[in-house]
Amino acid sequence: MQLIDPNHPAYRRLWVRVAIVAVCFGWAVVEFVTGDPFWGVLAGGAGAYSFYILFWTFKPRPPATEPVVQPDAEEEEGPAATAEKPSKDGQAE
């Protein structure tokens, strides 16, 4: 089971991946310094897992390009040209 999808577009930028790993390890240090080793181990584990997924096994896929769709000539027409428009006095011409 994979908790982080490395193919998500949010992880393409290097600074995002570095920030995630740095915050996890930074929070682990904070927990150890304040005397709560249980949460420090959990945050350190999250940092190690995110480093493994986002750096060690990271293989970015090129962005998927979709073909440009050309609208049909029928769709370009506005309202039907044969519709009668009412004149100023309210009657059709």
Protein backbone atom coordinates (compact mmCIF):
# COMPACT_ATOMS: atom_id res chain seq x y z
CA MET A 1 0.00 0.00 0.00
CA GLN A 2 1.40 3.34 -1.04
CA LEU A 3 0.53 6.36 1.10
CA ILE A 4 2.08 8.96 -1.20
CA ASP A 5 1.40 8.97 -4.94
CA PRO A 6 4.69 10.20 -6.45
CA ASN A 7 3.02 10.69 -9.83
CA HIS A 8 0.73 13.40 -8.51
CA PRO A 9 1.50 16.76 -10.20
CA ALA A 10 2.06 18.43 -6.83
CA TYR A 11 5.29 16.47 -6.30
CA ARG A 12 6.96 17.44 -9.61
CA ARG A 13 8.69 20.45 -8.10
CA LEU A 14 11.82 19.70 -6.13
CA TRP A 15 11.18 22.32 -3.46
CA VAL A 16 7.85 20.70 -2.54
CA ARG A 17 9.47 17.30 -2.02
CA VAL A 18 12.32 18.83 0.00
CA ALA A 19 9.88 20.80 2.14
CA ILE A 20 7.80 17.72 2.98
CA VAL A 21 10.82 15.71 4.06
CA ALA A 22 12.35 18.64 5.97
CA VAL A 23 9.14 19.36 7.88
CA CYS A 24 8.77 15.71 8.90
CA PHE A 25 12.35 15.42 10.15
CA GLY A 26 12.19 18.87 11.74
CA TRP A 27 9.08 17.93 13.64
CA ALA A 28 10.77 14.73 14.80
CA VAL A 29 13.63 16.82 16.23
CA VAL A 30 11.14 19.09 18.01
CA GLU A 31 9.42 16.08 19.57
CA PHE A 32 12.68 14.54 20.75
CA VAL A 33 13.91 17.84 22.21
CA THR A 34 10.68 18.43 24.12
CA GLY A 35 10.88 14.93 25.60
CA ASP A 36 8.24 13.02 23.64
CA PRO A 37 10.12 10.20 21.89
CA PHE A 38 6.98 8.32 20.76
CA TRP A 39 5.84 11.18 18.52
CA GLY A 40 9.44 11.80 17.51
CA VAL A 41 9.73 8.27 16.19
CA LEU A 42 6.43 8.60 14.33
CA ALA A 43 7.43 11.90 12.72
CA GLY A 44 10.87 10.49 11.90
CA GLY A 45 9.26 7.46 10.31
CA ALA A 46 7.03 9.73 8.23
CA GLY A 47 10.15 11.64 7.15
CA ALA A 48 12.00 8.45 6.25
CA TYR A 49 9.00 7.12 4.29
CA SER A 50 8.50 10.40 2.43
CA PHE A 51 12.24 10.54 1.61
CA TYR A 52 12.10 6.99 0.27
CA ILE A 53 9.04 7.64 -1.90
CA LEU A 54 9.78 11.21 -3.03
CA PHE A 55 13.53 10.89 -3.64
CA TRP A 56 14.80 7.32 -3.65
CA THR A 57 12.13 5.74 -5.88
CA PHE A 58 10.87 8.93 -7.56
CA LYS A 59 10.48 8.53 -11.32
CA PRO A 60 8.42 11.42 -12.66
CA ARG A 61 6.22 10.76 -15.63
CA PRO A 62 6.08 13.39 -18.35
CA PRO A 63 2.86 15.40 -18.21
CA ALA A 64 0.13 13.82 -20.26
CA THR A 65 -0.78 16.01 -23.21
CA GLU A 66 -4.26 15.74 -24.57
CA PRO A 67 -4.88 16.35 -28.25
CA VAL A 68 -6.31 19.72 -29.09
CA VAL A 69 -9.95 19.36 -29.98
CA GLN A 70 -11.12 21.46 -32.89
CA PRO A 71 -14.76 22.49 -32.56
CA ASP A 72 -17.06 21.43 -35.36
CA ALA A 73 -18.38 24.02 -37.79
CA GLU A 74 -21.89 23.27 -36.58
CA GLU A 75 -20.99 24.16 -33.00
CA GLU A 76 -19.50 27.52 -33.96
CA GLU A 77 -22.82 28.86 -35.15
CA GLY A 78 -24.71 30.89 -32.62
CA PRO A 79 -28.48 30.86 -32.37
CA ALA A 80 -30.31 29.77 -35.47
CA ALA A 81 -30.07 32.42 -38.18
CA THR A 82 -33.61 31.65 -39.39
CA ALA A 83 -35.25 32.67 -36.14
CA GLU A 84 -37.37 35.73 -36.57
CA LYS A 85 -36.45 38.71 -34.44
CA PRO A 86 -39.23 40.88 -33.09
CA SER A 87 -39.18 44.49 -34.19
CA LYS A 88 -39.48 47.48 -31.93
CA ASP A 89 -43.26 47.29 -31.88
CA GLY A 90 -43.17 43.61 -30.76
CA GLN A 91 -44.19 41.97 -34.01
CA ALA A 92 -41.97 39.68 -36.04
CA GLU A 93 -40.66 40.98 -39.32
